[in-house]
Amino acid sequence: INEIGESAFKFCRAIKSIILPQNIEIIKNDTFFGCS
C-alpha cells in the first residue's frame, strides 16, 4: 500500500493498534480521527 486516503479510518472506534505500510509518505487529513 502506497496511499491511504483522507478519513480512511475515521471513527473506527475499536481499532487498538496500527502498523503503517513501509511505503507510505503521507498520513492524510483525518485518517485516524476519532479512533478512540
Full PDB file with SEQRES, HELIX, SHEET, SSBOND, CRYST1, ORIGX, SCALE, CONECT and MASTER records, all heavy atoms in Angstrom:
SEQRES   1 A   36  ILE ASN GLU ILE GLY GLU SER ALA PHE LYS PHE CYS ARG          
SEQRES   2 A   36  ALA ILE LYS SER ILE ILE LEU PRO GLN ASN ILE GLU ILE          
SEQRES   3 A   36  ILE LYS ASN ASP THR PHE PHE GLY CYS SER                      
CRYST1    1.000    1.000    1.000  90.00  90.00  90.00 P 1           1          
ORIGX1      1.000000  0.000000  0.000000        0.00000                         
ORIGX2      0.000000  1.000000  0.000000        0.00000                         
ORIGX3      0.000000  0.000000  1.000000        0.00000                         
SCALE1      1.000000  0.000000  0.000000        0.00000                         
SCALE2      0.000000  1.000000  0.000000        0.00000                         
SCALE3      0.000000  0.000000  1.000000        0.00000                         
ATOM      1  N   ILE A   1       0.845  -1.194   0.000  1.00  0.00           N  
ATOM      2  CA  ILE A   1       0.000   0.000   0.000  1.00  0.00           C  
ATOM      3  C   ILE A   1       0.883   1.248   0.000  1.00  0.00           C  
ATOM      4  O   ILE A   1       1.769   1.397   0.839  1.00  0.00           O  
ATOM      5  CB  ILE A   1      -0.923   0.023   1.229  1.00  0.00           C  
ATOM      6  CG1 ILE A   1      -1.900  -1.155   1.183  1.00  0.00           C  
ATOM      7  CG2 ILE A   1      -1.700   1.339   1.320  1.00  0.00           C  
ATOM      8  CD1 ILE A   1      -2.740  -1.312   2.436  1.00  0.00           C  
ATOM      9  N   ASN A   2       0.637   2.136  -0.957  1.00  0.00           N  
ATOM     10  CA  ASN A   2       1.406   3.380  -1.017  1.00  0.00           C  
ATOM     11  C   ASN A   2       0.547   4.622  -0.850  1.00  0.00           C  
ATOM     12  O   ASN A   2       1.056   5.741  -0.863  1.00  0.00           O  
ATOM     13  CB  ASN A   2       2.211   3.472  -2.325  1.00  0.00           C  
ATOM     14  CG  ASN A   2       1.336   3.290  -3.558  1.00  0.00           C  
ATOM     15  OD1 ASN A   2       0.302   3.936  -3.688  1.00  0.00           O  
ATOM     16  ND2 ASN A   2       1.751   2.412  -4.472  1.00  0.00           N  
ATOM     17  N   GLU A   3      -0.768   4.440  -0.684  1.00  0.00           N  
ATOM     18  CA  GLU A   3      -1.645   5.592  -0.467  1.00  0.00           C  
ATOM     19  C   GLU A   3      -2.836   5.192   0.405  1.00  0.00           C  
ATOM     20  O   GLU A   3      -3.519   4.212   0.126  1.00  0.00           O  
ATOM     21  CB  GLU A   3      -2.154   6.142  -1.802  1.00  0.00           C  
ATOM     22  CG  GLU A   3      -3.076   7.348  -1.645  1.00  0.00           C  
ATOM     23  CD  GLU A   3      -3.548   7.904  -2.978  1.00  0.00           C  
ATOM     24  OE1 GLU A   3      -2.871   7.675  -4.001  1.00  0.00           O  
ATOM     25  OE2 GLU A   3      -4.594   8.570  -2.999  1.00  0.00           O  
ATOM     26  N   ILE A   4      -3.049   5.956   1.466  1.00  0.00           N  
ATOM     27  CA  ILE A   4      -4.229   5.811   2.312  1.00  0.00           C  
ATOM     28  C   ILE A   4      -4.927   7.158   2.319  1.00  0.00           C  
ATOM     29  O   ILE A   4      -4.336   8.183   2.669  1.00  0.00           O  
ATOM     30  CB  ILE A   4      -3.859   5.382   3.739  1.00  0.00           C  
ATOM     31  CG1 ILE A   4      -3.160   4.018   3.726  1.00  0.00           C  
ATOM     32  CG2 ILE A   4      -5.105   5.312   4.619  1.00  0.00           C  
ATOM     33  CD1 ILE A   4      -2.677   3.551   5.090  1.00  0.00           C  
ATOM     34  N   GLY A   5      -6.188   7.181   1.913  1.00  0.00           N  
ATOM     35  CA  GLY A   5      -6.909   8.424   1.703  1.00  0.00           C  
ATOM     36  C   GLY A   5      -7.338   9.131   2.980  1.00  0.00           C  
ATOM     37  O   GLY A   5      -7.248   8.593   4.093  1.00  0.00           O  
ATOM     38  N   GLU A   6      -7.841  10.341   2.800  1.00  0.00           N  
ATOM     39  CA  GLU A   6      -8.347  11.123   3.918  1.00  0.00           C  
ATOM     40  C   GLU A   6      -9.520  10.404   4.599  1.00  0.00           C  
ATOM     41  O   GLU A   6     -10.359   9.799   3.945  1.00  0.00           O  
ATOM     42  CB  GLU A   6      -8.800  12.506   3.435  1.00  0.00           C  
ATOM     43  CG  GLU A   6      -7.666  13.384   2.945  1.00  0.00           C  
ATOM     44  CD  GLU A   6      -8.110  14.811   2.676  1.00  0.00           C  
ATOM     45  OE1 GLU A   6      -9.266  15.154   3.000  1.00  0.00           O  
ATOM     46  OE2 GLU A   6      -7.309  15.588   2.145  1.00  0.00           O  
ATOM     47  N   SER A   7      -9.526  10.481   5.923  1.00  0.00           N  
ATOM     48  CA  SER A   7     -10.610   9.914   6.736  1.00  0.00           C  
ATOM     49  C   SER A   7     -10.806   8.412   6.504  1.00  0.00           C  
ATOM     50  O   SER A   7     -11.881   7.880   6.779  1.00  0.00           O  
ATOM     51  CB  SER A   7     -11.939  10.645   6.454  1.00  0.00           C  
ATOM     52  OG  SER A   7     -11.824  12.025   6.693  1.00  0.00           O  
ATOM     53  N   ALA A   8      -9.768   7.737   6.026  1.00  0.00           N  
ATOM     54  CA  ALA A   8      -9.899   6.314   5.663  1.00  0.00           C  
ATOM     55  C   ALA A   8     -10.351   5.463   6.846  1.00  0.00           C  
ATOM     56  O   ALA A   8     -11.138   4.522   6.680  1.00  0.00           O  
ATOM     57  CB  ALA A   8      -8.591   5.787   5.107  1.00  0.00           C  
ATOM     58  N   PHE A   9      -9.858   5.774   8.044  1.00  0.00           N  
ATOM     59  CA  PHE A   9     -10.225   5.005   9.240  1.00  0.00           C  
ATOM     60  C   PHE A   9     -10.897   5.889  10.290  1.00  0.00           C  
ATOM     61  O   PHE A   9     -10.902   5.559  11.474  1.00  0.00           O  
ATOM     62  CB  PHE A   9      -8.984   4.330   9.829  1.00  0.00           C  
ATOM     63  CG  PHE A   9      -8.385   3.289   8.924  1.00  0.00           C  
ATOM     64  CD1 PHE A   9      -7.335   3.612   8.078  1.00  0.00           C  
ATOM     65  CD2 PHE A   9      -8.874   1.994   8.898  1.00  0.00           C  
ATOM     66  CE1 PHE A   9      -6.781   2.662   7.219  1.00  0.00           C  
ATOM     67  CE2 PHE A   9      -8.328   1.039   8.059  1.00  0.00           C  
ATOM     68  CZ  PHE A   9      -7.282   1.374   7.211  1.00  0.00           C  
ATOM     69  N   LYS A  10     -11.469   6.968   9.879  1.00  0.00           N  
ATOM     70  CA  LYS A  10     -12.103   7.913  10.809  1.00  0.00           C  
ATOM     71  C   LYS A  10     -13.246   7.236  11.567  1.00  0.00           C  
ATOM     72  O   LYS A  10     -14.070   6.536  10.986  1.00  0.00           O  
ATOM     73  CB  LYS A  10     -12.623   9.123  10.040  1.00  0.00           C  
ATOM     74  CG  LYS A  10     -13.095  10.270  10.926  1.00  0.00           C  
ATOM     75  CD  LYS A  10     -13.403  11.505  10.078  1.00  0.00           C  
ATOM     76  CE  LYS A  10     -13.786  12.682  10.953  1.00  0.00           C  
ATOM     77  NZ  LYS A  10     -14.012  13.912  10.138  1.00  0.00           N  
ATOM     78  N   PHE A  11     -13.252   7.436  12.878  1.00  0.00           N  
ATOM     79  CA  PHE A  11     -14.267   6.878  13.770  1.00  0.00           C  
ATOM     80  C   PHE A  11     -14.306   5.346  13.759  1.00  0.00           C  
ATOM     81  O   PHE A  11     -15.359   4.753  14.015  1.00  0.00           O  
ATOM     82  CB  PHE A  11     -15.659   7.434  13.447  1.00  0.00           C  
ATOM     83  CG  PHE A  11     -15.791   8.915  13.691  1.00  0.00           C  
ATOM     84  CD1 PHE A  11     -16.324   9.743  12.718  1.00  0.00           C  
ATOM     85  CD2 PHE A  11     -15.385   9.476  14.892  1.00  0.00           C  
ATOM     86  CE1 PHE A  11     -16.444  11.106  12.931  1.00  0.00           C  
ATOM     87  CE2 PHE A  11     -15.488  10.843  15.116  1.00  0.00           C  
ATOM     88  CZ  PHE A  11     -16.026  11.658  14.136  1.00  0.00           C  
ATOM     89  N   CYS A  12     -13.162   4.718  13.491  1.00  0.00           N  
ATOM     90  CA  CYS A  12     -13.042   3.268  13.707  1.00  0.00           C  
ATOM     91  C   CYS A  12     -12.705   3.102  15.188  1.00  0.00           C  
ATOM     92  O   CYS A  12     -11.537   2.974  15.573  1.00  0.00           O  
ATOM     93  CB  CYS A  12     -11.968   2.670  12.808  1.00  0.00           C  
ATOM     94  SG  CYS A  12     -12.431   2.599  11.071  1.00  0.00           S  
ATOM     95  N   ARG A  13     -13.710   3.087  16.006  1.00  0.00           N  
ATOM     96  CA  ARG A  13     -13.541   3.262  17.449  1.00  0.00           C  
ATOM     97  C   ARG A  13     -13.009   2.036  18.177  1.00  0.00           C  
ATOM     98  O   ARG A  13     -12.716   2.123  19.374  1.00  0.00           O  
ATOM     99  CB  ARG A  13     -14.869   3.704  18.057  1.00  0.00           C  
ATOM    100  CG  ARG A  13     -15.334   5.082  17.580  1.00  0.00           C  
ATOM    101  CD  ARG A  13     -16.631   5.484  18.265  1.00  0.00           C  
ATOM    102  NE  ARG A  13     -17.028   6.845  17.927  1.00  0.00           N  
ATOM    103  CZ  ARG A  13     -17.834   7.170  16.927  1.00  0.00           C  
ATOM    104  NH1 ARG A  13     -18.323   6.202  16.146  1.00  0.00           N  
ATOM    105  NH2 ARG A  13     -18.160   8.417  16.679  1.00  0.00           N  
ATOM    106  N   ALA A  14     -12.918   0.887  17.517  1.00  0.00           N  
ATOM    107  CA  ALA A  14     -12.467  -0.325  18.201  1.00  0.00           C  
ATOM    108  C   ALA A  14     -11.017  -0.693  17.886  1.00  0.00           C  
ATOM    109  O   ALA A  14     -10.439  -1.534  18.578  1.00  0.00           O  
ATOM    110  CB  ALA A  14     -13.380  -1.498  17.855  1.00  0.00           C  
ATOM    111  N   ILE A  15     -10.422  -0.091  16.859  1.00  0.00           N  
ATOM    112  CA  ILE A  15      -9.048  -0.427  16.478  1.00  0.00           C  
ATOM    113  C   ILE A  15      -8.083  -0.042  17.596  1.00  0.00           C  
ATOM    114  O   ILE A  15      -8.115   1.085  18.092  1.00  0.00           O  
ATOM    115  CB  ILE A  15      -8.656   0.274  15.168  1.00  0.00           C  
ATOM    116  CG1 ILE A  15      -9.384  -0.366  13.990  1.00  0.00           C  
ATOM    117  CG2 ILE A  15      -7.148   0.206  14.936  1.00  0.00           C  
ATOM    118  CD1 ILE A  15      -9.036   0.240  12.644  1.00  0.00           C  
ATOM    119  N   LYS A  16      -7.219  -0.996  17.977  1.00  0.00           N  
ATOM    120  CA  LYS A  16      -6.303  -0.767  19.084  1.00  0.00           C  
ATOM    121  C   LYS A  16      -4.868  -0.498  18.651  1.00  0.00           C  
ATOM    122  O   LYS A  16      -4.110   0.151  19.382  1.00  0.00           O  
ATOM    123  CB  LYS A  16      -6.342  -1.960  20.052  1.00  0.00           C  
ATOM    124  CG  LYS A  16      -7.675  -2.101  20.776  1.00  0.00           C  
ATOM    125  CD  LYS A  16      -7.622  -3.192  21.825  1.00  0.00           C  
ATOM    126  CE  LYS A  16      -8.935  -3.266  22.595  1.00  0.00           C  
ATOM    127  NZ  LYS A  16      -8.909  -4.311  23.655  1.00  0.00           N  
ATOM    128  N   SER A  17      -4.477  -1.033  17.502  1.00  0.00           N  
ATOM    129  CA  SER A  17      -3.103  -0.795  17.051  1.00  0.00           C  
ATOM    130  C   SER A  17      -3.048  -0.821  15.524  1.00  0.00           C  
ATOM    131  O   SER A  17      -3.841  -1.500  14.873  1.00  0.00           O  
ATOM    132  CB  SER A  17      -2.133  -1.826  17.636  1.00  0.00           C  
ATOM    133  OG  SER A  17      -2.425  -3.123  17.144  1.00  0.00           O  
ATOM    134  N   ILE A  18      -2.106  -0.062  14.997  1.00  0.00           N  
ATOM    135  CA  ILE A  18      -1.918   0.021  13.545  1.00  0.00           C  
ATOM    136  C   ILE A  18      -0.429   0.030  13.253  1.00  0.00           C  
ATOM    137  O   ILE A  18       0.349   0.742  13.913  1.00  0.00           O  
ATOM    138  CB  ILE A  18      -2.551   1.304  12.962  1.00  0.00           C  
ATOM    139  CG1 ILE A  18      -4.073   1.227  12.987  1.00  0.00           C  
ATOM    140  CG2 ILE A  18      -2.066   1.559  11.544  1.00  0.00           C  
ATOM    141  CD1 ILE A  18      -4.685   0.419  11.875  1.00  0.00           C  
ATOM    142  N   ILE A  19      -0.017  -0.773  12.278  1.00  0.00           N  
ATOM    143  CA  ILE A  19       1.341  -0.686  11.725  1.00  0.00           C  
ATOM    144  C   ILE A  19       1.183  -0.217  10.286  1.00  0.00           C  
ATOM    145  O   ILE A  19       0.587  -0.908   9.460  1.00  0.00           O  
ATOM    146  CB  ILE A  19       2.076  -2.037  11.779  1.00  0.00           C  
ATOM    147  CG1 ILE A  19       2.213  -2.505  13.236  1.00  0.00           C  
ATOM    148  CG2 ILE A  19       3.447  -1.927  11.127  1.00  0.00           C  
ATOM    149  CD1 ILE A  19       2.823  -3.899  13.360  1.00  0.00           C  
ATOM    150  N   LEU A  20       1.686   0.964  10.008  1.00  0.00           N  
ATOM    151  CA  LEU A  20       1.526   1.518   8.671  1.00  0.00           C  
ATOM    152  C   LEU A  20       2.484   0.860   7.679  1.00  0.00           C  
ATOM    153  O   LEU A  20       3.605   0.480   8.038  1.00  0.00           O  
ATOM    154  CB  LEU A  20       1.767   3.029   8.697  1.00  0.00           C  
ATOM    155  CG  LEU A  20       0.689   3.852   9.410  1.00  0.00           C  
ATOM    156  CD1 LEU A  20       1.113   5.318   9.502  1.00  0.00           C  
ATOM    157  CD2 LEU A  20      -0.643   3.736   8.701  1.00  0.00           C  
ATOM    158  N   PRO A  21       2.080   0.739   6.414  1.00  0.00           N  
ATOM    159  CA  PRO A  21       2.943   0.145   5.387  1.00  0.00           C  
ATOM    160  C   PRO A  21       4.231   0.946   5.193  1.00  0.00           C  
ATOM    161  O   PRO A  21       4.270   2.163   5.411  1.00  0.00           O  
ATOM    162  CB  PRO A  21       2.066   0.210   4.122  1.00  0.00           C  
ATOM    163  CG  PRO A  21       0.665   0.299   4.619  1.00  0.00           C  
ATOM    164  CD  PRO A  21       0.740   1.079   5.891  1.00  0.00           C  
ATOM    165  N   GLN A  22       5.266   0.256   4.760  1.00  0.00           N  
ATOM    166  CA  GLN A  22       6.597   0.854   4.677  1.00  0.00           C  
ATOM    167  C   GLN A  22       6.763   1.880   3.566  1.00  0.00           C  
ATOM    168  O   GLN A  22       7.743   2.616   3.545  1.00  0.00           O  
ATOM    169  CB  GLN A  22       7.647  -0.257   4.505  1.00  0.00           C  
ATOM    170  CG  GLN A  22       7.765  -1.176   5.700  1.00  0.00           C  
ATOM    171  CD  GLN A  22       8.132  -0.434   6.969  1.00  0.00           C  
ATOM    172  OE1 GLN A  22       9.099   0.328   6.998  1.00  0.00           O  
ATOM    173  NE2 GLN A  22       7.357  -0.622   8.021  1.00  0.00           N  
ATOM    174  N   ASN A  23       5.807   1.938   2.632  1.00  0.00           N  
ATOM    175  CA  ASN A  23       5.956   2.871   1.507  1.00  0.00           C  
ATOM    176  C   ASN A  23       5.106   4.129   1.635  1.00  0.00           C  
ATOM    177  O   ASN A  23       5.126   4.989   0.750  1.00  0.00           O  
ATOM    178  CB  ASN A  23       5.588   2.163   0.189  1.00  0.00           C  
ATOM    179  CG  ASN A  23       6.536   1.046  -0.148  1.00  0.00           C  
ATOM    180  OD1 ASN A  23       7.743   1.182   0.012  1.00  0.00           O  
ATOM    181  ND2 ASN A  23       5.998  -0.077  -0.597  1.00  0.00           N  
ATOM    182  N   ILE A  24       4.372   4.270   2.730  1.00  0.00           N  
ATOM    183  CA  ILE A  24       3.509   5.426   2.910  1.00  0.00           C  
ATOM    184  C   ILE A  24       4.350   6.685   3.130  1.00  0.00           C  
ATOM    185  O   ILE A  24       5.253   6.700   3.953  1.00  0.00           O  
ATOM    186  CB  ILE A  24       2.558   5.213   4.114  1.00  0.00           C  
ATOM    187  CG1 ILE A  24       1.509   4.159   3.786  1.00  0.00           C  
ATOM    188  CG2 ILE A  24       1.892   6.520   4.526  1.00  0.00           C  
ATOM    189  CD1 ILE A  24       0.507   4.596   2.750  1.00  0.00           C  
ATOM    190  N   GLU A  25       4.049   7.744   2.378  1.00  0.00           N  
ATOM    191  CA  GLU A  25       4.749   9.016   2.534  1.00  0.00           C  
ATOM    192  C   GLU A  25       3.891  10.074   3.216  1.00  0.00           C  
ATOM    193  O   GLU A  25       4.413  10.979   3.856  1.00  0.00           O  
ATOM    194  CB  GLU A  25       5.223   9.536   1.167  1.00  0.00           C  
ATOM    195  CG  GLU A  25       6.282   8.658   0.522  1.00  0.00           C  
ATOM    196  CD  GLU A  25       6.836   9.257  -0.758  1.00  0.00           C  
ATOM    197  OE1 GLU A  25       6.350  10.333  -1.176  1.00  0.00           O  
ATOM    198  OE2 GLU A  25       7.755   8.658  -1.332  1.00  0.00           O  
ATOM    199  N   ILE A  26       2.556   9.958   3.069  1.00  0.00           N  
ATOM    200  CA  ILE A  26       1.662  10.961   3.632  1.00  0.00           C  
ATOM    201  C   ILE A  26       0.563  10.284   4.453  1.00  0.00           C  
ATOM    202  O   ILE A  26      -0.120   9.393   3.954  1.00  0.00           O  
ATOM    203  CB  ILE A  26       1.009  11.821   2.524  1.00  0.00           C  
ATOM    204  CG1 ILE A  26       2.078  12.542   1.696  1.00  0.00           C  
ATOM    205  CG2 ILE A  26       0.051  12.846   3.133  1.00  0.00           C  
ATOM    206  CD1 ILE A  26       1.510  13.297   0.495  1.00  0.00           C  
ATOM    207  N   ILE A  27       0.448  10.690   5.706  1.00  0.00           N  
ATOM    208  CA  ILE A  27      -0.715  10.328   6.508  1.00  0.00           C  
ATOM    209  C   ILE A  27      -1.680  11.493   6.331  1.00  0.00           C  
ATOM    210  O   ILE A  27      -1.445  12.593   6.830  1.00  0.00           O  
ATOM    211  CB  ILE A  27      -0.350  10.129   7.987  1.00  0.00           C  
ATOM    212  CG1 ILE A  27       0.698   9.005   8.120  1.00  0.00           C  
ATOM    213  CG2 ILE A  27      -1.586   9.772   8.805  1.00  0.00           C  
ATOM    214  CD1 ILE A  27       1.246   8.846   9.532  1.00  0.00           C  
ATOM    215  N   LYS A  28      -2.738  11.284   5.621  1.00  0.00           N  
ATOM    216  CA  LYS A  28      -3.573  12.393   5.160  1.00  0.00           C  
ATOM    217  C   LYS A  28      -4.505  12.916   6.257  1.00  0.00           C  
ATOM    218  O   LYS A  28      -4.625  12.348   7.339  1.00  0.00           O  
ATOM    219  CB  LYS A  28      -4.362  11.962   3.922  1.00  0.00           C  
ATOM    220  CG  LYS A  28      -3.456  11.660   2.732  1.00  0.00           C  
ATOM    221  CD  LYS A  28      -4.253  11.422   1.458  1.00  0.00           C  
ATOM    222  CE  LYS A  28      -3.322  11.190   0.286  1.00  0.00           C  
ATOM    223  NZ  LYS A  28      -4.073  10.987  -0.982  1.00  0.00           N  
ATOM    224  N   ASN A  29      -5.168  14.020   5.942  1.00  0.00           N  
ATOM    225  CA  ASN A  29      -6.062  14.668   6.894  1.00  0.00           C  
ATOM    226  C   ASN A  29      -7.102  13.683   7.437  1.00  0.00           C  
ATOM    227  O   ASN A  29      -7.704  12.923   6.680  1.00  0.00           O  
ATOM    228  CB  ASN A  29      -6.802  15.830   6.232  1.00  0.00           C  
ATOM    229  CG  ASN A  29      -5.871  16.930   5.756  1.00  0.00           C  
ATOM    230  OD1 ASN A  29      -4.684  16.920   6.044  1.00  0.00           O  
ATOM    231  ND2 ASN A  29      -6.420  17.884   5.031  1.00  0.00           N  
ATOM    232  N   ASP A  30      -7.293  13.716   8.750  1.00  0.00           N  
ATOM    233  CA  ASP A  30      -8.371  12.966   9.411  1.00  0.00           C  
ATOM    234  C   ASP A  30      -8.247  11.446   9.286  1.00  0.00           C  
ATOM    235  O   ASP A  30      -9.214  10.733   9.586  1.00  0.00           O  
ATOM    236  CB  ASP A  30      -9.740  13.360   8.847  1.00  0.00           C  
ATOM    237  CG  ASP A  30     -10.112  14.797   9.166  1.00  0.00           C  
ATOM    238  OD1 ASP A  30     -10.304  15.099  10.350  1.00  0.00           O  
ATOM    239  OD2 ASP A  30     -10.219  15.608   8.240  1.00  0.00           O  
ATOM    240  N   THR A  31      -7.111  10.931   8.875  1.00  0.00           N  
ATOM    241  CA  THR A  31      -7.012   9.493   8.598  1.00  0.00           C  
ATOM    242  C   THR A  31      -7.472   8.637   9.774  1.00  0.00           C  
ATOM    243  O   THR A  31      -8.228   7.679   9.598  1.00  0.00           O  
ATOM    244  CB  THR A  31      -5.566   9.109   8.215  1.00  0.00           C  
ATOM    245  OG1 THR A  31      -5.185   9.810   7.047  1.00  0.00           O  
ATOM    246  CG2 THR A  31      -5.469   7.613   7.930  1.00  0.00           C  
ATOM    247  N   PHE A  32      -7.012   8.967  10.971  1.00  0.00           N  
ATOM    248  CA  PHE A  32      -7.365   8.175  12.162  1.00  0.00           C  
ATOM    249  C   PHE A  32      -8.169   8.997  13.176  1.00  0.00           C  
ATOM    250  O   PHE A  32      -8.228   8.646  14.355  1.00  0.00           O  
ATOM    251  CB  PHE A  32      -6.100   7.621  12.809  1.00  0.00           C  
ATOM    252  CG  PHE A  32      -5.314   6.703  11.913  1.00  0.00           C  
ATOM    253  CD1 PHE A  32      -4.175   7.149  11.278  1.00  0.00           C  
ATOM    254  CD2 PHE A  32      -5.733   5.406  11.685  1.00  0.00           C  
ATOM    255  CE1 PHE A  32      -3.454   6.308  10.429  1.00  0.00           C  
ATOM    256  CE2 PHE A  32      -5.021   4.564  10.849  1.00  0.00           C  
ATOM    257  CZ  PHE A  32      -3.880   5.008  10.213  1.00  0.00           C  
ATOM    258  N   PHE A  33      -8.794  10.045  12.726  1.00  0.00           N  
ATOM    259  CA  PHE A  33      -9.572  10.916  13.603  1.00  0.00           C  
ATOM    260  C   PHE A  33     -10.638  10.100  14.355  1.00  0.00           C  
ATOM    261  O   PHE A  33     -11.391   9.329  13.773  1.00  0.00           O  
ATOM    262  CB  PHE A  33     -10.267  11.991  12.755  1.00  0.00           C  
ATOM    263  CG  PHE A  33     -11.018  13.029  13.551  1.00  0.00           C  
ATOM    264  CD1 PHE A  33     -10.478  14.289  13.754  1.00  0.00           C  
ATOM    265  CD2 PHE A  33     -12.268  12.751  14.085  1.00  0.00           C  
ATOM    266  CE1 PHE A  33     -11.175  15.258  14.472  1.00  0.00           C  
ATOM    267  CE2 PHE A  33     -12.967  13.702  14.809  1.00  0.00           C  
ATOM    268  CZ  PHE A  33     -12.424  14.961  15.000  1.00  0.00           C  
ATOM    269  N   GLY A  34     -10.667  10.262  15.673  1.00  0.00           N  
ATOM    270  CA  GLY A  34     -11.709   9.633  16.460  1.00  0.00           C  
ATOM    271  C   GLY A  34     -11.558   8.139  16.666  1.00  0.00           C  
ATOM    272  O   GLY A  34     -12.525   7.473  17.063  1.00  0.00           O  
ATOM    273  N   CYS A  35     -10.360   7.603  16.426  1.00  0.00           N  
ATOM    274  CA  CYS A  35     -10.102   6.185  16.728  1.00  0.00           C  
ATOM    275  C   CYS A  35      -9.811   6.094  18.233  1.00  0.00           C  
ATOM    276  O   CYS A  35      -8.652   6.006  18.654  1.00  0.00           O  
ATOM    277  CB  CYS A  35      -8.940   5.659  15.896  1.00  0.00           C  
ATOM    278  SG  CYS A  35      -9.290   5.554  14.133  1.00  0.00           S  
ATOM    279  N   SER A  36     -10.857   6.114  19.007  1.00  0.00           N  
ATOM    280  CA  SER A  36     -10.727   6.342  20.440  1.00  0.00           C  
ATOM    281  C   SER A  36     -10.102   5.183  21.210  1.00  0.00           C  
ATOM    282  O   SER A  36      -9.661   5.360  22.349  1.00  0.00           O  
ATOM    283  CB  SER A  36     -12.094   6.686  21.039  1.00  0.00           C  
ATOM    284  OG  SER A  36     -13.051   5.698  20.713  1.00  0.00           O  
TER     285      SER A  36                                                      
MASTER        0    0    0    0    0    0    0    6  284    1    0    3          
END                                                                             
